[in-house]
Each structure stands twice: as C-alpha cells, then as structure tokens.
Amino acid sequence: MIGITAAGVGVEQILLTKPTLALPDSQRWLICASVALCALAVSILHRFGVIRYCKIRSQYRLGGAVVLLAIAIFGKGLLPVAVIALVGVVSAAQVVQDLYQSRPTTRLVDPEI
C-alpha cells in the first residue's frame, strides 16, 4: 500500500513542477522508487505463489524494479515528462508481458467447439 500511495504523491508533485526544468532528485526518486517498490512487492507475491506461482513473471517484475531504480540513479537532468514517460514504458512493458503470458479464460478460442 505504501508504494501505491507514494506513487500517487510522486505524480502529484511532478504535475506541480515546471515542465521546462529538470525534475528535482527527490521527486525523481519518489516516483521511481515507489513504482519499483510496487513491482518488487508483486515480484515477491508471484515468487511465493500468493498471486500465481510464476517464476518468469517474478523475474520480469524484479527486472522492472531494477530498471526503475536505474532511472532514479542515472536520470539526473531529465525533464518531468521524460521521467513519467520512462516509468510508463517500464510499467506498460510489465502489462504487455503479463497479457502475453496469460492463458485464455474462455473456450471460444478452442478449435474443438
């Protein structure tokens, strides 16, 4: 829960900054670390089977958290829109990977019907 709350605060802080100035370190760390914390939590839940036991999903989530922390570390001087875009791309990649790996929930795709 703390990661989701911190991400919301981070987005609010970023929206209040001037879009033509580089994002301050504290705000960059807040948004990147909070979303990374959420990805790490989901990775742990996948790893131990609380959500669905899946090692590859756990690894993708962990990889996403590492990329987000890399953005926080090496993203000094980035504009707010660039930081939000990079965080969005990492998050969207997680969703696409999850959809790609999901199983069909209906039998409409079965050719036997």
C-alpha atoms as a PDB file:
ATOM      1  CA  MET A   1       0.000   0.000   0.000  1.00  0.00           C
ATOM      2  CA  ILE A   2       2.812   2.405   0.785  1.00  0.00           C
ATOM      3  CA  GLY A   3       4.188   2.098  -2.751  1.00  0.00           C
ATOM      4  CA  ILE A   4       0.850   2.978  -4.342  1.00  0.00           C
ATOM      5  CA  THR A   5       0.354   5.934  -2.011  1.00  0.00           C
ATOM      6  CA  ALA A   6       3.875   7.201  -2.618  1.00  0.00           C
ATOM      7  CA  ALA A   7       3.410   6.842  -6.383  1.00  0.00           C
ATOM      8  CA  GLY A   8       0.281   8.983  -6.180  1.00  0.00           C
ATOM      9  CA  VAL A   9       2.125  11.635  -4.201  1.00  0.00           C
ATOM     10  CA  GLY A  10       5.005  11.449  -6.685  1.00  0.00           C
ATOM     11  CA  VAL A  11       2.709  12.025  -9.643  1.00  0.00           C
ATOM     12  CA  GLU A  12       1.090  14.963  -7.845  1.00  0.00           C
ATOM     13  CA  GLN A  13       4.491  16.501  -7.094  1.00  0.00           C
ATOM     14  CA  ILE A  14       5.629  16.049 -10.683  1.00  0.00           C
ATOM     15  CA  LEU A  15       2.476  17.685 -12.015  1.00  0.00           C
ATOM     16  CA  LEU A  16       3.192  20.716  -9.825  1.00  0.00           C
ATOM     17  CA  THR A  17       6.745  21.191 -11.146  1.00  0.00           C
ATOM     18  CA  LYS A  18       7.700  23.389 -14.064  1.00  0.00           C
ATOM     19  CA  PRO A  19       7.797  21.225 -17.209  1.00  0.00           C
ATOM     20  CA  THR A  20      10.812  23.016 -18.711  1.00  0.00           C
ATOM     21  CA  LEU A  21      13.123  22.454 -15.730  1.00  0.00           C
ATOM     22  CA  ALA A  22      14.867  19.222 -14.818  1.00  0.00           C
ATOM     23  CA  LEU A  23      12.982  17.179 -12.261  1.00  0.00           C
ATOM     24  CA  PRO A  24      14.487  17.538  -8.765  1.00  0.00           C
ATOM     25  CA  ASP A  25      16.246  14.485  -7.396  1.00  0.00           C
ATOM     26  CA  SER A  26      13.800  13.994  -4.540  1.00  0.00           C
ATOM     27  CA  GLN A  27      10.791  13.861  -6.847  1.00  0.00           C
ATOM     28  CA  ARG A  28      12.539  11.592  -9.350  1.00  0.00           C
ATOM     29  CA  TRP A  29      13.470   9.215  -6.546  1.00  0.00           C
ATOM     30  CA  LEU A  30       9.958   9.341  -5.099  1.00  0.00           C
ATOM     31  CA  ILE A  31       8.205   8.285  -8.305  1.00  0.00           C
ATOM     32  CA  CYS A  32      10.803   5.749  -9.434  1.00  0.00           C
ATOM     33  CA  ALA A  33      11.325   4.149  -6.033  1.00  0.00           C
ATOM     34  CA  SER A  34       7.612   3.947  -5.257  1.00  0.00           C
ATOM     35  CA  VAL A  35       6.751   2.223  -8.533  1.00  0.00           C
ATOM     36  CA  ALA A  36       9.818  -0.014  -8.092  1.00  0.00           C
ATOM     37  CA  LEU A  37       8.550  -0.922  -4.619  1.00  0.00           C
ATOM     38  CA  CYS A  38       5.203  -1.941  -6.117  1.00  0.00           C
ATOM     39  CA  ALA A  39       6.943  -4.048  -8.781  1.00  0.00           C
ATOM     40  CA  LEU A  40       9.127  -5.674  -6.146  1.00  0.00           C
ATOM     41  CA  ALA A  41       6.104  -6.497  -3.990  1.00  0.00           C
ATOM     42  CA  VAL A  42       4.299  -8.091  -6.939  1.00  0.00           C
ATOM     43  CA  SER A  43       7.505  -9.986  -7.788  1.00  0.00           C
ATOM     44  CA  ILE A  44       7.613 -11.448  -4.289  1.00  0.00           C
ATOM     45  CA  LEU A  45       3.934 -12.362  -4.446  1.00  0.00           C
ATOM     46  CA  HIS A  46       4.457 -14.165  -7.765  1.00  0.00           C
ATOM     47  CA  ARG A  47       7.577 -15.911  -6.492  1.00  0.00           C
ATOM     48  CA  PHE A  48       5.869 -17.405  -3.453  1.00  0.00           C
ATOM     49  CA  GLY A  49       2.575 -18.175  -5.180  1.00  0.00           C
ATOM     50  CA  VAL A  50       0.338 -15.741  -3.339  1.00  0.00           C
ATOM     51  CA  ILE A  51      -0.991 -14.325  -6.630  1.00  0.00           C
ATOM     52  CA  ARG A  52       0.001 -17.099  -9.021  1.00  0.00           C
ATOM     53  CA  TYR A  53       3.184 -19.088  -8.743  1.00  0.00           C
ATOM     54  CA  CYS A  54       5.206 -17.995 -11.746  1.00  0.00           C
ATOM     55  CA  LYS A  55       8.973 -17.633 -11.699  1.00  0.00           C
ATOM     56  CA  ILE A  56       9.206 -15.827 -15.042  1.00  0.00           C
ATOM     57  CA  ARG A  57       6.669 -13.179 -14.024  1.00  0.00           C
ATOM     58  CA  SER A  58       8.562 -12.721 -10.802  1.00  0.00           C
ATOM     59  CA  GLN A  59      11.772 -12.183 -12.759  1.00  0.00           C
ATOM     60  CA  TYR A  60      10.128  -9.665 -15.095  1.00  0.00           C
ATOM     61  CA  ARG A  61       8.772  -7.690 -12.144  1.00  0.00           C
ATOM     62  CA  LEU A  62      12.166  -7.749 -10.449  1.00  0.00           C
ATOM     63  CA  GLY A  63      13.810  -6.617 -13.683  1.00  0.00           C
ATOM     64  CA  GLY A  64      11.325  -3.774 -13.962  1.00  0.00           C
ATOM     65  CA  ALA A  65      12.135  -2.675 -10.422  1.00  0.00           C
ATOM     66  CA  VAL A  66      15.850  -2.653 -11.252  1.00  0.00           C
ATOM     67  CA  VAL A  67      15.237  -0.567 -14.393  1.00  0.00           C
ATOM     68  CA  LEU A  68      13.155   1.904 -12.393  1.00  0.00           C
ATOM     69  CA  LEU A  69      15.906   2.268  -9.820  1.00  0.00           C
ATOM     70  CA  ALA A  70      18.398   2.791 -12.652  1.00  0.00           C
ATOM     71  CA  ILE A  71      16.213   5.632 -13.930  1.00  0.00           C
ATOM     72  CA  ALA A  72      16.253   7.127 -10.445  1.00  0.00           C
ATOM     73  CA  ILE A  73      20.031   6.837 -10.197  1.00  0.00           C
ATOM     74  CA  PHE A  74      21.041   7.895 -13.697  1.00  0.00           C
ATOM     75  CA  GLY A  75      18.111  10.172 -14.578  1.00  0.00           C
ATOM     76  CA  LYS A  76      19.596  13.389 -13.249  1.00  0.00           C
ATOM     77  CA  GLY A  77      18.722  16.268 -15.552  1.00  0.00           C
ATOM     78  CA  LEU A  78      15.697  14.599 -17.151  1.00  0.00           C
ATOM     79  CA  LEU A  79      12.563  16.641 -17.689  1.00  0.00           C
ATOM     80  CA  PRO A  80       9.425  15.634 -15.788  1.00  0.00           C
ATOM     81  CA  VAL A  81       7.721  14.359 -18.938  1.00  0.00           C
ATOM     82  CA  ALA A  82      10.731  12.141 -19.700  1.00  0.00           C
ATOM     83  CA  VAL A  83      10.714  10.575 -16.239  1.00  0.00           C
ATOM     84  CA  ILE A  84       6.974   9.925 -16.381  1.00  0.00           C
ATOM     85  CA  ALA A  85       7.331   8.514 -19.907  1.00  0.00           C
ATOM     86  CA  LEU A  86      10.132   6.146 -18.868  1.00  0.00           C
ATOM     87  CA  VAL A  87       8.209   4.960 -15.811  1.00  0.00           C
ATOM     88  CA  GLY A  88       5.160   4.486 -18.037  1.00  0.00           C
ATOM     89  CA  VAL A  89       7.126   2.457 -20.593  1.00  0.00           C
ATOM     90  CA  VAL A  90       8.504   0.152 -17.894  1.00  0.00           C
ATOM     91  CA  SER A  91       5.020  -0.287 -16.415  1.00  0.00           C
ATOM     92  CA  ALA A  92       3.414  -0.855 -19.820  1.00  0.00           C
ATOM     93  CA  ALA A  93       6.042  -3.482 -20.631  1.00  0.00           C
ATOM     94  CA  GLN A  94       5.011  -5.321 -17.465  1.00  0.00           C
ATOM     95  CA  VAL A  95       1.360  -5.282 -18.540  1.00  0.00           C
ATOM     96  CA  VAL A  96       2.166  -6.442 -22.082  1.00  0.00           C
ATOM     97  CA  GLN A  97       4.311  -9.263 -20.739  1.00  0.00           C
ATOM     98  CA  ASP A  98       1.526 -10.296 -18.381  1.00  0.00           C
ATOM     99  CA  LEU A  99      -1.057 -10.298 -21.174  1.00  0.00           C
ATOM    100  CA  TYR A 100       1.276 -12.217 -23.455  1.00  0.00           C
ATOM    101  CA  GLN A 101       1.764 -14.922 -20.846  1.00  0.00           C
ATOM    102  CA  SER A 102      -1.832 -15.169 -19.664  1.00  0.00           C
ATOM    103  CA  ARG A 103      -3.971 -18.128 -20.546  1.00  0.00           C
ATOM    104  CA  PRO A 104      -7.294 -17.728 -22.336  1.00  0.00           C
ATOM    105  CA  THR A 105     -10.193 -17.572 -19.921  1.00  0.00           C
ATOM    106  CA  THR A 106     -12.893 -18.705 -22.328  1.00  0.00           C
ATOM    107  CA  ARG A 107     -13.233 -21.717 -24.530  1.00  0.00           C
ATOM    108  CA  LEU A 108     -14.160 -19.586 -27.512  1.00  0.00           C
ATOM    109  CA  VAL A 109     -10.591 -19.803 -28.763  1.00  0.00           C
ATOM    110  CA  ASP A 110     -10.648 -23.618 -28.721  1.00  0.00           C
ATOM    111  CA  PRO A 111     -10.991 -25.034 -32.237  1.00  0.00           C
ATOM    112  CA  GLU A 112     -12.823 -28.076 -30.824  1.00  0.00           C
ATOM    113  CA  ILE A 113     -16.040 -26.148 -30.224  1.00  0.00           C
END
